[in-house]
Amino acid sequence: MQTRNTDTHYGWVAVAFHWLMAPAIIGMFALGWWMRGLSYYDPWYRQGPEIHKAVGIILFALLVARLLWRWANPAPAPEAAPRWQQKIAGAAHGLLYLLLIVISIAGYLISTADGRAIEVFNWFTVPATLQGLENQEDIAGTIHKWLAWTLMGLVLLHGLAALKHHFVNRDATLRKILGLGPRAHEKSLQTNRP
């Protein structure tokens, strides 16, 4: 598999970004939801949030790298579909990225509201740069929570759309992000495109 994207395939870098981040993002949501039910005396009461914060910082760094890679290395051409569907798909991808950015910033503002830095697995520390705003933790927490739920709804739709492309449209959309080449009948469709 090539490193860079082509008109018909994602390169291994884009595929790796997608499949490293997708399960981590879903796992972060699950961890965040689970943590809300922990009592003060639960051993995970402190450890869960520390893991959540550290992974959140790493995911944000991966997101920035992914966006830079996407900017420098455009995605393959979309499969044949009505123009309105292509516009909705583009808007959905843009919204996924925007939600991830805002959720990350809100999480950072929750974690640093009291002026403490975020420790990332004892590898490095991210300092608190903006703290002490009135109700910072509560406002950022509300934004973080509702946008995380919105993100999960959009992730579900994204996954369903990929399955629809694969099983109903029978095009190469899902195969591209899996790093697989088009099936035989898809190759002939691609060579016959106007």
N, C-alpha and C. Protein backbone atom coordinates (compact mmCIF):
# COMPACT_ATOMS: atom_id res chain seq x y z
N MET A 1 0.85 -1.18 0.00
CA MET A 1 0.00 0.00 0.00
C MET A 1 0.90 1.24 0.00
N GLN A 2 0.53 2.20 -0.80
CA GLN A 2 1.31 3.42 -0.91
C GLN A 2 1.12 4.31 0.32
N THR A 3 2.04 5.25 0.52
CA THR A 3 1.98 6.17 1.67
C THR A 3 0.92 7.23 1.45
N ARG A 4 0.93 7.84 0.29
CA ARG A 4 0.03 8.95 -0.01
C ARG A 4 -1.28 8.46 -0.64
N ASN A 5 -2.31 9.28 -0.52
CA ASN A 5 -3.59 8.98 -1.17
C ASN A 5 -3.45 9.13 -2.68
N THR A 6 -4.27 8.38 -3.40
CA THR A 6 -4.38 8.55 -4.85
C THR A 6 -5.83 8.92 -5.15
N ASP A 7 -6.16 9.02 -6.43
CA ASP A 7 -7.55 9.31 -6.80
C ASP A 7 -8.50 8.20 -6.41
N THR A 8 -7.98 6.96 -6.28
CA THR A 8 -8.84 5.81 -6.02
C THR A 8 -8.61 5.13 -4.68
N HIS A 9 -7.53 5.47 -3.96
CA HIS A 9 -7.20 4.79 -2.70
C HIS A 9 -6.72 5.77 -1.65
N TYR A 10 -6.98 5.42 -0.39
CA TYR A 10 -6.30 6.10 0.70
C TYR A 10 -4.94 5.43 0.88
N GLY A 11 -3.93 6.22 1.21
CA GLY A 11 -2.63 5.66 1.55
C GLY A 11 -2.66 5.11 2.96
N TRP A 12 -1.58 4.39 3.32
CA TRP A 12 -1.56 3.74 4.63
C TRP A 12 -1.56 4.75 5.78
N VAL A 13 -1.05 5.97 5.56
CA VAL A 13 -1.04 6.97 6.63
C VAL A 13 -2.47 7.37 6.99
N ALA A 14 -3.28 7.69 5.98
CA ALA A 14 -4.67 8.08 6.22
C ALA A 14 -5.46 6.93 6.84
N VAL A 15 -5.22 5.72 6.35
CA VAL A 15 -5.90 4.53 6.90
C VAL A 15 -5.52 4.35 8.36
N ALA A 16 -4.23 4.49 8.68
CA ALA A 16 -3.76 4.34 10.06
C ALA A 16 -4.37 5.41 10.97
N PHE A 17 -4.40 6.66 10.51
CA PHE A 17 -5.03 7.72 11.31
C PHE A 17 -6.48 7.35 11.63
N HIS A 18 -7.21 6.94 10.60
CA HIS A 18 -8.64 6.62 10.79
C HIS A 18 -8.83 5.50 11.80
N TRP A 19 -8.08 4.39 11.63
CA TRP A 19 -8.33 3.20 12.45
C TRP A 19 -7.63 3.26 13.81
N LEU A 20 -6.69 4.17 14.01
CA LEU A 20 -6.18 4.43 15.36
C LEU A 20 -7.17 5.30 16.14
N MET A 21 -7.69 6.30 15.46
CA MET A 21 -8.53 7.28 16.15
C MET A 21 -9.97 6.81 16.37
N ALA A 22 -10.56 6.13 15.40
CA ALA A 22 -11.98 5.76 15.51
C ALA A 22 -12.28 4.94 16.77
N PRO A 23 -11.59 3.83 17.02
CA PRO A 23 -11.91 3.08 18.24
C PRO A 23 -11.51 3.83 19.51
N ALA A 24 -10.46 4.65 19.43
CA ALA A 24 -10.05 5.43 20.61
C ALA A 24 -11.11 6.46 20.98
N ILE A 25 -11.71 7.09 19.98
CA ILE A 25 -12.74 8.10 20.23
C ILE A 25 -13.98 7.44 20.83
N ILE A 26 -14.38 6.30 20.29
CA ILE A 26 -15.53 5.59 20.85
C ILE A 26 -15.21 5.11 22.27
N GLY A 27 -13.99 4.62 22.46
CA GLY A 27 -13.57 4.20 23.80
C GLY A 27 -13.54 5.35 24.79
N MET A 28 -13.12 6.53 24.34
CA MET A 28 -13.11 7.72 25.22
C MET A 28 -14.53 8.08 25.64
N PHE A 29 -15.47 7.98 24.71
CA PHE A 29 -16.85 8.26 25.06
C PHE A 29 -17.34 7.27 26.10
N ALA A 30 -17.06 5.98 25.88
CA ALA A 30 -17.49 4.95 26.83
C ALA A 30 -16.85 5.17 28.20
N LEU A 31 -15.56 5.50 28.23
CA LEU A 31 -14.89 5.76 29.49
C LEU A 31 -15.49 6.97 30.20
N GLY A 32 -15.73 8.04 29.46
CA GLY A 32 -16.33 9.23 30.04
C GLY A 32 -17.71 8.96 30.62
N TRP A 33 -18.51 8.19 29.91
CA TRP A 33 -19.85 7.85 30.38
C TRP A 33 -19.76 7.00 31.63
N TRP A 34 -18.88 6.02 31.62
CA TRP A 34 -18.70 5.12 32.76
C TRP A 34 -18.19 5.89 33.99
N MET A 35 -17.28 6.82 33.79
CA MET A 35 -16.69 7.58 34.90
C MET A 35 -17.73 8.39 35.67
N ARG A 36 -18.76 8.84 34.99
CA ARG A 36 -19.76 9.68 35.64
C ARG A 36 -20.49 8.94 36.77
N GLY A 37 -20.47 7.62 36.72
CA GLY A 37 -21.15 6.83 37.75
C GLY A 37 -20.24 6.37 38.88
N LEU A 38 -18.97 6.74 38.85
CA LEU A 38 -18.05 6.30 39.89
C LEU A 38 -18.25 7.08 41.18
N SER A 39 -18.15 6.37 42.30
CA SER A 39 -18.24 7.05 43.60
C SER A 39 -16.85 7.48 44.03
N TYR A 40 -16.78 8.36 45.00
CA TYR A 40 -15.52 8.90 45.50
C TYR A 40 -14.59 7.78 45.98
N TYR A 41 -15.15 6.71 46.49
CA TYR A 41 -14.35 5.63 47.07
C TYR A 41 -13.97 4.54 46.06
N ASP A 42 -14.43 4.67 44.84
CA ASP A 42 -14.07 3.70 43.81
C ASP A 42 -12.60 3.90 43.43
N PRO A 43 -11.82 2.82 43.28
CA PRO A 43 -10.40 2.98 42.93
C PRO A 43 -10.19 3.68 41.58
N TRP A 44 -11.18 3.61 40.70
CA TRP A 44 -11.07 4.25 39.39
C TRP A 44 -11.48 5.73 39.42
N TYR A 45 -11.94 6.22 40.55
CA TYR A 45 -12.43 7.60 40.65
C TYR A 45 -11.37 8.61 40.19
N ARG A 46 -10.10 8.36 40.52
CA ARG A 46 -9.01 9.24 40.10
C ARG A 46 -8.30 8.72 38.85
N GLN A 47 -8.16 7.40 38.75
CA GLN A 47 -7.43 6.81 37.64
C GLN A 47 -8.17 6.96 36.31
N GLY A 48 -9.48 6.79 36.32
CA GLY A 48 -10.27 6.92 35.08
C GLY A 48 -10.11 8.29 34.45
N PRO A 49 -10.34 9.38 35.21
CA PRO A 49 -10.15 10.71 34.62
C PRO A 49 -8.72 10.98 34.15
N GLU A 50 -7.72 10.45 34.87
CA GLU A 50 -6.33 10.66 34.44
C GLU A 50 -6.08 10.01 33.09
N ILE A 51 -6.60 8.80 32.90
CA ILE A 51 -6.47 8.11 31.61
C ILE A 51 -7.23 8.89 30.53
N HIS A 52 -8.44 9.32 30.85
CA HIS A 52 -9.28 10.06 29.91
C HIS A 52 -8.57 11.33 29.44
N LYS A 53 -7.99 12.08 30.37
CA LYS A 53 -7.29 13.32 30.02
C LYS A 53 -6.06 13.04 29.17
N ALA A 54 -5.27 12.05 29.56
CA ALA A 54 -4.03 11.75 28.83
C ALA A 54 -4.33 11.29 27.41
N VAL A 55 -5.29 10.38 27.26
CA VAL A 55 -5.65 9.90 25.93
C VAL A 55 -6.26 11.04 25.12
N GLY A 56 -7.02 11.92 25.76
CA GLY A 56 -7.58 13.08 25.08
C GLY A 56 -6.52 13.98 24.48
N ILE A 57 -5.43 14.21 25.22
CA ILE A 57 -4.33 15.03 24.70
C ILE A 57 -3.67 14.34 23.50
N ILE A 58 -3.45 13.04 23.62
CA ILE A 58 -2.83 12.29 22.51
C ILE A 58 -3.75 12.31 21.29
N LEU A 59 -5.05 12.12 21.50
CA LEU A 59 -6.00 12.16 20.38
C LEU A 59 -6.02 13.54 19.72
N PHE A 60 -5.91 14.60 20.52
CA PHE A 60 -5.90 15.94 19.94
C PHE A 60 -4.65 16.12 19.07
N ALA A 61 -3.51 15.64 19.54
CA ALA A 61 -2.28 15.72 18.74
C ALA A 61 -2.43 14.93 17.44
N LEU A 62 -3.02 13.73 17.53
CA LEU A 62 -3.27 12.93 16.32
C LEU A 62 -4.24 13.64 15.37
N LEU A 63 -5.25 14.31 15.95
CA LEU A 63 -6.22 15.04 15.13
C LEU A 63 -5.54 16.16 14.35
N VAL A 64 -4.67 16.92 15.02
CA VAL A 64 -3.95 17.99 14.34
C VAL A 64 -3.08 17.41 13.22
N ALA A 65 -2.36 16.32 13.52
CA ALA A 65 -1.53 15.68 12.50
C ALA A 65 -2.39 15.17 11.34
N ARG A 66 -3.54 14.61 11.67
CA ARG A 66 -4.44 14.08 10.64
C ARG A 66 -4.95 15.20 9.74
N LEU A 67 -5.32 16.33 10.33
CA LEU A 67 -5.81 17.45 9.54
C LEU A 67 -4.71 18.03 8.66
N LEU A 68 -3.49 18.11 9.17
CA LEU A 68 -2.37 18.58 8.35
C LEU A 68 -2.10 17.62 7.20
N TRP A 69 -2.17 16.31 7.49
CA TRP A 69 -1.97 15.31 6.44
C TRP A 69 -3.07 15.42 5.39
N ARG A 70 -4.29 15.60 5.84
CA ARG A 70 -5.41 15.71 4.90
C ARG A 70 -5.30 16.96 4.03
N TRP A 71 -4.82 18.05 4.63
CA TRP A 71 -4.64 19.29 3.88
C TRP A 71 -3.56 19.12 2.81
N ALA A 72 -2.47 18.43 3.17
CA ALA A 72 -1.35 18.25 2.24
C ALA A 72 -1.56 17.08 1.28
N ASN A 73 -2.55 16.25 1.57
CA ASN A 73 -2.73 15.01 0.82
C ASN A 73 -4.22 14.74 0.67
N PRO A 74 -4.88 15.36 -0.31
CA PRO A 74 -6.35 15.26 -0.43
C PRO A 74 -6.86 13.83 -0.51
N ALA A 75 -8.09 13.66 -0.08
CA ALA A 75 -8.76 12.35 -0.09
C ALA A 75 -9.00 11.90 -1.53
N PRO A 76 -9.17 10.59 -1.73
CA PRO A 76 -9.52 10.09 -3.06
C PRO A 76 -10.84 10.69 -3.56
N ALA A 77 -11.01 10.64 -4.86
CA ALA A 77 -12.25 11.14 -5.45
C ALA A 77 -13.43 10.34 -4.88
N PRO A 78 -14.56 11.04 -4.60
CA PRO A 78 -15.72 10.31 -4.08
C PRO A 78 -16.31 9.39 -5.15
N GLU A 79 -17.01 8.39 -4.69
CA GLU A 79 -17.69 7.48 -5.60
C GLU A 79 -18.81 8.23 -6.30
N ALA A 80 -19.24 7.71 -7.43
CA ALA A 80 -20.33 8.33 -8.18
C ALA A 80 -21.58 8.39 -7.30
N ALA A 81 -22.07 9.60 -7.08
CA ALA A 81 -23.26 9.83 -6.25
C ALA A 81 -23.82 11.18 -6.64
N PRO A 82 -25.11 11.39 -6.36
CA PRO A 82 -25.67 12.72 -6.64
C PRO A 82 -24.88 13.81 -5.90
N ARG A 83 -24.82 14.97 -6.50
CA ARG A 83 -24.05 16.10 -5.94
C ARG A 83 -24.47 16.41 -4.50
N TRP A 84 -25.78 16.35 -4.20
CA TRP A 84 -26.25 16.68 -2.86
C TRP A 84 -25.72 15.69 -1.83
N GLN A 85 -25.59 14.42 -2.22
CA GLN A 85 -25.04 13.42 -1.30
C GLN A 85 -23.55 13.68 -1.05
N GLN A 86 -22.83 14.08 -2.07
CA GLN A 86 -21.42 14.41 -1.90
C GLN A 86 -21.26 15.62 -0.97
N LYS A 87 -22.13 16.60 -1.12
CA LYS A 87 -22.06 17.79 -0.25
C LYS A 87 -22.38 17.42 1.20
N ILE A 88 -23.37 16.57 1.41
CA ILE A 88 -23.71 16.14 2.77
C ILE A 88 -22.55 15.35 3.38
N ALA A 89 -21.94 14.47 2.58
CA ALA A 89 -20.80 13.69 3.09
C ALA A 89 -19.65 14.62 3.47
N GLY A 90 -19.37 15.60 2.63
CA GLY A 90 -18.29 16.56 2.94
C GLY A 90 -18.60 17.36 4.19
N ALA A 91 -19.86 17.79 4.33
CA ALA A 91 -20.25 18.55 5.52
C ALA A 91 -20.17 17.68 6.78
N ALA A 92 -20.56 16.40 6.66
CA ALA A 92 -20.50 15.49 7.81
C ALA A 92 -19.05 15.28 8.25
N HIS A 93 -18.14 15.11 7.30
CA HIS A 93 -16.73 14.95 7.66
C HIS A 93 -16.20 16.21 8.33
N GLY A 94 -16.55 17.37 7.77
CA GLY A 94 -16.13 18.63 8.38
C GLY A 94 -16.67 18.79 9.79
N LEU A 95 -17.93 18.39 9.99
CA LEU A 95 -18.54 18.47 11.32
C LEU A 95 -17.88 17.50 12.29
N LEU A 96 -17.52 16.31 11.84
CA LEU A 96 -16.79 15.37 12.70
C LEU A 96 -15.50 16.01 13.22
N TYR A 97 -14.74 16.61 12.32
CA TYR A 97 -13.49 17.25 12.72
C TYR A 97 -13.74 18.42 13.66
N LEU A 98 -14.73 19.24 13.35
CA LEU A 98 -15.04 20.40 14.20
C LEU A 98 -15.45 19.95 15.60
N LEU A 99 -16.31 18.95 15.67
CA LEU A 99 -16.74 18.44 16.98
C LEU A 99 -15.55 17.92 17.78
N LEU A 100 -14.65 17.20 17.12
CA LEU A 100 -13.48 16.67 17.82
C LEU A 100 -12.60 17.80 18.37
N ILE A 101 -12.45 18.87 17.61
CA ILE A 101 -11.64 20.00 18.06
C ILE A 101 -12.29 20.67 19.26
N VAL A 102 -13.58 20.96 19.17
CA VAL A 102 -14.27 21.67 20.26
C VAL A 102 -14.36 20.80 21.51
N ILE A 103 -14.64 19.51 21.34
CA ILE A 103 -14.69 18.59 22.48
C ILE A 103 -13.33 18.55 23.18
N SER A 104 -12.26 18.51 22.41
CA SER A 104 -10.91 18.48 22.99
C SER A 104 -10.61 19.76 23.76
N ILE A 105 -10.95 20.90 23.19
CA ILE A 105 -10.72 22.17 23.87
C ILE A 105 -11.54 22.25 25.15
N ALA A 106 -12.81 21.83 25.08
CA ALA A 106 -13.66 21.84 26.27
C ALA A 106 -13.09 20.92 27.34
N GLY A 107 -12.62 19.74 26.95
CA GLY A 107 -12.02 18.81 27.91
C GLY A 107 -10.79 19.42 28.57
N TYR A 108 -9.97 20.10 27.78
CA TYR A 108 -8.80 20.78 28.32
C TYR A 108 -9.22 21.85 29.34
N LEU A 109 -10.25 22.61 29.01
CA LEU A 109 -10.71 23.69 29.91
C LEU A 109 -11.32 23.12 31.20
N ILE A 110 -11.95 21.96 31.13
CA ILE A 110 -12.45 21.30 32.35
C ILE A 110 -11.26 20.92 33.22
N SER A 111 -10.31 20.24 32.60
CA SER A 111 -9.18 19.66 33.34
C SER A 111 -8.24 20.69 33.94
N THR A 112 -8.15 21.86 33.34
CA THR A 112 -7.21 22.87 33.81
C THR A 112 -7.88 24.06 34.50
N ALA A 113 -9.19 23.92 34.77
CA ALA A 113 -9.93 25.04 35.37
C ALA A 113 -9.34 25.47 36.71
N ASP A 114 -8.77 24.53 37.45
CA ASP A 114 -8.21 24.86 38.77
C ASP A 114 -6.73 25.22 38.70
N GLY A 115 -6.18 25.34 37.48
CA GLY A 115 -4.79 25.74 37.32
C GLY A 115 -3.79 24.60 37.26
N ARG A 116 -4.27 23.37 37.44
CA ARG A 116 -3.36 22.22 37.38
C ARG A 116 -3.11 21.79 35.94
N ALA A 117 -1.87 21.39 35.67
CA ALA A 117 -1.50 20.89 34.35
C ALA A 117 -2.05 19.48 34.15
N ILE A 118 -2.05 19.03 32.91
CA ILE A 118 -2.49 17.67 32.58
C ILE A 118 -1.23 16.82 32.39
N GLU A 119 -1.14 15.76 33.16
CA GLU A 119 -0.03 14.81 33.07
C GLU A 119 -0.40 13.73 32.07
N VAL A 120 0.44 13.52 31.06
CA VAL A 120 0.15 12.55 30.01
C VAL A 120 1.05 11.32 30.21
N PHE A 121 0.54 10.37 31.00
CA PHE A 121 1.21 9.09 31.26
C PHE A 121 2.66 9.24 31.71
N ASN A 122 2.96 10.29 32.44
CA ASN A 122 4.33 10.59 32.89
C ASN A 122 5.32 10.76 31.74
N TRP A 123 4.82 11.02 30.54
CA TRP A 123 5.69 11.28 29.39
C TRP A 123 5.98 12.77 29.28
N PHE A 124 4.91 13.58 29.43
CA PHE A 124 5.04 15.03 29.36
C PHE A 124 3.83 15.65 30.04
N THR A 125 3.91 16.96 30.26
CA THR A 125 2.84 17.68 30.94
C THR A 125 2.35 18.80 30.03
N VAL A 126 1.04 18.98 30.01
CA VAL A 126 0.43 20.09 29.26
C VAL A 126 -0.02 21.12 30.29
N PRO A 127 0.56 22.32 30.26
CA PRO A 127 0.25 23.30 31.29
C PRO A 127 -1.15 23.89 31.14
N ALA A 128 -1.66 24.41 32.25
CA ALA A 128 -2.92 25.15 32.24
C ALA A 128 -2.62 26.55 31.73
N THR A 129 -3.28 26.96 30.68
CA THR A 129 -3.02 28.29 30.13
C THR A 129 -4.18 29.25 30.37
N LEU A 130 -5.37 28.71 30.48
CA LEU A 130 -6.55 29.55 30.69
C LEU A 130 -7.34 28.94 31.83
N GLN A 131 -7.36 29.61 32.96
CA GLN A 131 -8.09 29.08 34.10
C GLN A 131 -8.67 30.22 34.91
N GLY A 132 -9.54 29.87 35.82
CA GLY A 132 -10.12 30.86 36.72
C GLY A 132 -11.29 31.64 36.15
N LEU A 133 -11.77 31.26 34.96
CA LEU A 133 -12.95 31.93 34.42
C LEU A 133 -14.16 31.50 35.23
N GLU A 134 -15.13 32.38 35.34
CA GLU A 134 -16.31 32.07 36.14
C GLU A 134 -17.05 30.86 35.55
N ASN A 135 -17.29 29.87 36.39
CA ASN A 135 -17.98 28.63 36.01
C ASN A 135 -17.30 27.89 34.85
N GLN A 136 -16.01 28.06 34.70
CA GLN A 136 -15.28 27.46 33.57
C GLN A 136 -15.50 25.95 33.49
N GLU A 137 -15.34 25.27 34.61
CA GLU A 137 -15.46 23.81 34.62
C GLU A 137 -16.87 23.36 34.27
N ASP A 138 -17.87 24.06 34.81
CA ASP A 138 -19.27 23.67 34.54
C ASP A 138 -19.68 23.93 33.10
N ILE A 139 -19.32 25.11 32.60
CA ILE A 139 -19.69 25.45 31.21
C ILE A 139 -18.98 24.53 30.23
N ALA A 140 -17.66 24.38 30.43
CA ALA A 140 -16.90 23.49 29.53
C ALA A 140 -17.40 22.05 29.66
N GLY A 141 -17.79 21.64 30.86
CA GLY A 141 -18.31 20.28 31.07
C GLY A 141 -19.60 20.04 30.32
N THR A 142 -20.49 21.02 30.33
CA THR A 142 -21.75 20.89 29.61
C THR A 142 -21.50 20.80 28.10
N ILE A 143 -20.62 21.66 27.61
CA ILE A 143 -20.28 21.64 26.17
C ILE A 143 -19.66 20.29 25.81
N HIS A 144 -18.72 19.85 26.62
CA HIS A 144 -18.02 18.58 26.38
C HIS A 144 -19.02 17.41 26.31
N LYS A 145 -19.92 17.38 27.27
CA LYS A 145 -20.89 16.28 27.34
C LYS A 145 -21.83 16.26 26.14
N TRP A 146 -22.45 17.39 25.82
CA TRP A 146 -23.45 17.39 24.75
C TRP A 146 -22.82 17.23 23.37
N LEU A 147 -21.64 17.79 23.20
CA LEU A 147 -20.98 17.60 21.91
C LEU A 147 -20.47 16.17 21.76
N ALA A 148 -20.08 15.54 22.86
CA ALA A 148 -19.67 14.12 22.80
C ALA A 148 -20.85 13.25 22.36
N TRP A 149 -22.04 13.50 22.91
CA TRP A 149 -23.23 12.75 22.48
C TRP A 149 -23.54 13.02 21.01
N THR A 150 -23.41 14.29 20.59
CA THR A 150 -23.64 14.64 19.19
C THR A 150 -22.65 13.91 18.29
N LEU A 151 -21.39 13.89 18.72
CA LEU A 151 -20.34 13.19 17.96
C LEU A 151 -20.68 11.71 17.81
N MET A 152 -21.13 11.07 18.88
CA MET A 152 -21.45 9.64 18.80
C MET A 152 -22.61 9.40 17.85
N GLY A 153 -23.59 10.30 17.82
CA GLY A 153 -24.67 10.17 16.85
C GLY A 153 -24.16 10.28 15.42
N LEU A 154 -23.25 11.23 15.21
CA LEU A 154 -22.68 11.41 13.88
C LEU A 154 -21.77 10.23 13.49
N VAL A 155 -21.04 9.69 14.46
CA VAL A 155 -20.20 8.51 14.20
C VAL A 155 -21.09 7.32 13.79
N LEU A 156 -22.22 7.16 14.47
CA LEU A 156 -23.16 6.09 14.10
C LEU A 156 -23.65 6.27 12.66
N LEU A 157 -24.05 7.48 12.32
CA LEU A 157 -24.50 7.75 10.95
C LEU A 157 -23.38 7.51 9.93
N HIS A 158 -22.17 7.92 10.30
CA HIS A 158 -21.00 7.73 9.44
C HIS A 158 -20.77 6.23 9.17
N GLY A 159 -20.84 5.43 10.22
CA GLY A 159 -20.68 3.99 10.07
C GLY A 159 -21.78 3.37 9.24
N LEU A 160 -23.02 3.80 9.48
CA LEU A 160 -24.15 3.28 8.69
C LEU A 160 -24.02 3.67 7.22
N ALA A 161 -23.56 4.90 6.96
CA ALA A 161 -23.38 5.34 5.57
C ALA A 161 -22.31 4.50 4.89
N ALA A 162 -21.23 4.18 5.60
CA ALA A 162 -20.17 3.33 5.02
C ALA A 162 -20.73 1.95 4.68
N LEU A 163 -21.54 1.39 5.57
CA LEU A 163 -22.14 0.08 5.31
C LEU A 163 -23.12 0.15 4.14
N LYS A 164 -23.88 1.24 4.05
CA LYS A 164 -24.81 1.42 2.93
C LYS A 164 -24.04 1.46 1.61
N HIS A 165 -22.93 2.21 1.60
CA HIS A 165 -22.11 2.26 0.38
C HIS A 165 -21.62 0.87 -0.01
N HIS A 166 -21.24 0.09 0.99
CA HIS A 166 -20.66 -1.22 0.71
C HIS A 166 -21.70 -2.25 0.27
N PHE A 167 -22.82 -2.31 1.01
CA PHE A 167 -23.80 -3.38 0.77
C PHE A 167 -24.94 -2.99 -0.16
N VAL A 168 -25.30 -1.72 -0.18
CA VAL A 168 -26.41 -1.29 -1.05
C VAL A 168 -25.87 -0.73 -2.37
N ASN A 169 -25.02 0.29 -2.28
CA ASN A 169 -24.47 0.90 -3.50
C ASN A 169 -23.42 -0.01 -4.16
N ARG A 170 -22.80 -0.87 -3.34
CA ARG A 170 -21.76 -1.78 -3.80
C ARG A 170 -20.61 -1.04 -4.47
N ASP A 171 -20.21 0.08 -3.86
CA ASP A 171 -19.07 0.83 -4.38
C ASP A 171 -17.86 0.64 -3.46
N ALA A 172 -16.78 1.33 -3.75
CA ALA A 172 -15.50 1.09 -3.05
C ALA A 172 -15.28 2.00 -1.85
N THR A 173 -16.28 2.74 -1.42
CA THR A 173 -16.09 3.70 -0.33
C THR A 173 -15.50 3.05 0.92
N LEU A 174 -16.11 1.99 1.42
CA LEU A 174 -15.62 1.33 2.64
C LEU A 174 -14.28 0.65 2.39
N ARG A 175 -14.12 0.03 1.25
CA ARG A 175 -12.86 -0.65 0.94
C ARG A 175 -11.69 0.34 0.92
N LYS A 176 -11.95 1.57 0.49
CA LYS A 176 -10.88 2.58 0.45
C LYS A 176 -10.32 2.84 1.84
N ILE A 177 -11.19 3.04 2.82
CA ILE A 177 -10.71 3.38 4.16
C ILE A 177 -10.21 2.14 4.91
N LEU A 178 -10.55 0.97 4.41
CA LEU A 178 -9.97 -0.27 4.96
C LEU A 178 -8.60 -0.55 4.36
N GLY A 179 -8.22 0.25 3.37
CA GLY A 179 -6.92 0.07 2.73
C GLY A 179 -6.93 -1.01 1.67
N LEU A 180 -8.12 -1.38 1.21
CA LEU A 180 -8.26 -2.43 0.20
C LEU A 180 -8.51 -1.80 -1.16
N GLY A 181 -8.12 -2.50 -2.19
CA GLY A 181 -8.39 -2.03 -3.54
C GLY A 181 -9.84 -2.29 -3.92
N PRO A 182 -10.28 -1.69 -5.02
CA PRO A 182 -11.66 -1.93 -5.47
C PRO A 182 -11.84 -3.38 -5.94
N ARG A 183 -13.08 -3.88 -5.83
CA ARG A 183 -13.41 -5.20 -6.35
C ARG A 183 -13.39 -5.14 -7.88
N ALA A 184 -13.42 -6.28 -8.52
CA ALA A 184 -13.29 -6.35 -9.98
C ALA A 184 -14.34 -5.48 -10.68
N HIS A 185 -15.61 -5.58 -10.27
CA HIS A 185 -16.64 -4.79 -10.96
C HIS A 185 -16.49 -3.30 -10.68
N GLU A 186 -15.87 -2.93 -9.53
CA GLU A 186 -15.64 -1.51 -9.23
C GLU A 186 -14.52 -0.95 -10.10
N LYS A 187 -13.52 -1.78 -10.43
CA LYS A 187 -12.43 -1.32 -11.31
C LYS A 187 -12.98 -0.93 -12.67
N SER A 188 -13.89 -1.76 -13.18
CA SER A 188 -14.45 -1.43 -14.51
C SER A 188 -15.30 -0.18 -14.44
N LEU A 189 -16.00 0.05 -13.32
CA LEU A 189 -16.78 1.27 -13.18
C LEU A 189 -15.87 2.49 -13.12
N GLN A 190 -14.73 2.38 -12.43
CA GLN A 190 -13.81 3.50 -12.31
C GLN A 190 -13.17 3.84 -13.66
N THR A 191 -12.85 2.84 -14.48
CA THR A 191 -12.23 3.13 -15.76
C THR A 191 -13.22 3.69 -16.76
N ASN A 192 -14.53 3.45 -16.52
CA ASN A 192 -15.56 3.98 -17.43
C ASN A 192 -16.13 5.32 -16.97
N ARG A 193 -15.55 5.91 -15.92
CA ARG A 193 -16.05 7.21 -15.45
C ARG A 193 -15.78 8.28 -16.47
N PRO A 194 -16.70 9.26 -16.60
CA PRO A 194 -16.47 10.35 -17.57
C PRO A 194 -15.33 11.24 -17.10
